[in-house]
Amino acid sequence: MSERARSEAQKDGWPWALFFARWVLGLTFFMAGWWKTFALGPVAHAQGYFVDGFAETWIPVFLLWALGWSIPWLELIAGGLVCLGFRLRESLIVLGAILVIVTYGHLLQEPLYSLQSHIFIRLALLLFVLVGPRERDLLSVDGWLAARRRAAIQAE
């Protein structure tokens, strides 16, 4: 992107819209992961939210333990990466998968579960950031790295 095109891109709302959406979404997952990892603990999370709640379902107990233990760490790491805008696509895919898992769990327990409480807003923000124009995400580590690569190519 030329300097003029970059300057024009900064004048529209995309850089700030993506920045704010990334940070609200990222903080939501990061803080949930922080609490589940350091206050509650991954083992207690796995036991209390996965094994105890779903042991009588078709889901194998080893999978409940694996998901219950890993989700706090994944939320923490991927949420932080979304805030920074680093490895954004991969991080959003991880968080999207977590949303699918959590949605399925809620619906398995309560088939008419309302997704409006915490799932829908996270999904909306995730989709907004995922489909937003990557070249307009200027306030992210990925955007900064892409600009450096373009500058290096132009300098050659």
Foldseek 3Di string as FASTA:
>chain_A
DDPVVLVVLVPDCQQVVLLVLLLVLLCVLQVQLCCDPPVCRLQNQLVVPFCVLDVPDPDDSVVSSVCSNCSSVLSNVLSVQSNQVHPVLVSLVSVVVVLVVVVVSVCVVPVPDDCPPPSPVSVVSSVCNNPRDPCSNCRHPVNVVVVVVVVVVVVD
